[in-house]
Amino acid sequence: MKLIIQIPCFNEEETLPVTLRDLPREIPGFDVVEWLVVDDGSVDRTVEVAREHGVDHIVR
C-alpha cells in the first residue's frame, strides 16, 4: 500500500526544508511513502527547494 503525504505551499522556501525533515519516509504498514507538494503560485524558490529535498511529486 502507498501513502502520499500532501504538503500545500505558498512561498515556503524557508520553512519547507524544516517540514520535510520531520516527515517520515517509512511508516509500518505502508510499502511506499511519497511526498507531494502542491504549490499555489509561489514566487520564491519553493519548487526548487522541494526538488532539492527529494520531493516525489510537485503540482503547480
Foldseek 3Di string as FASTA:
>chain_A
DEAEAEAEDAQCLPPVVVVVVPDDQDDPPHPGYAYEYEYDDHPDCVVVSCVVSPHPYYHD
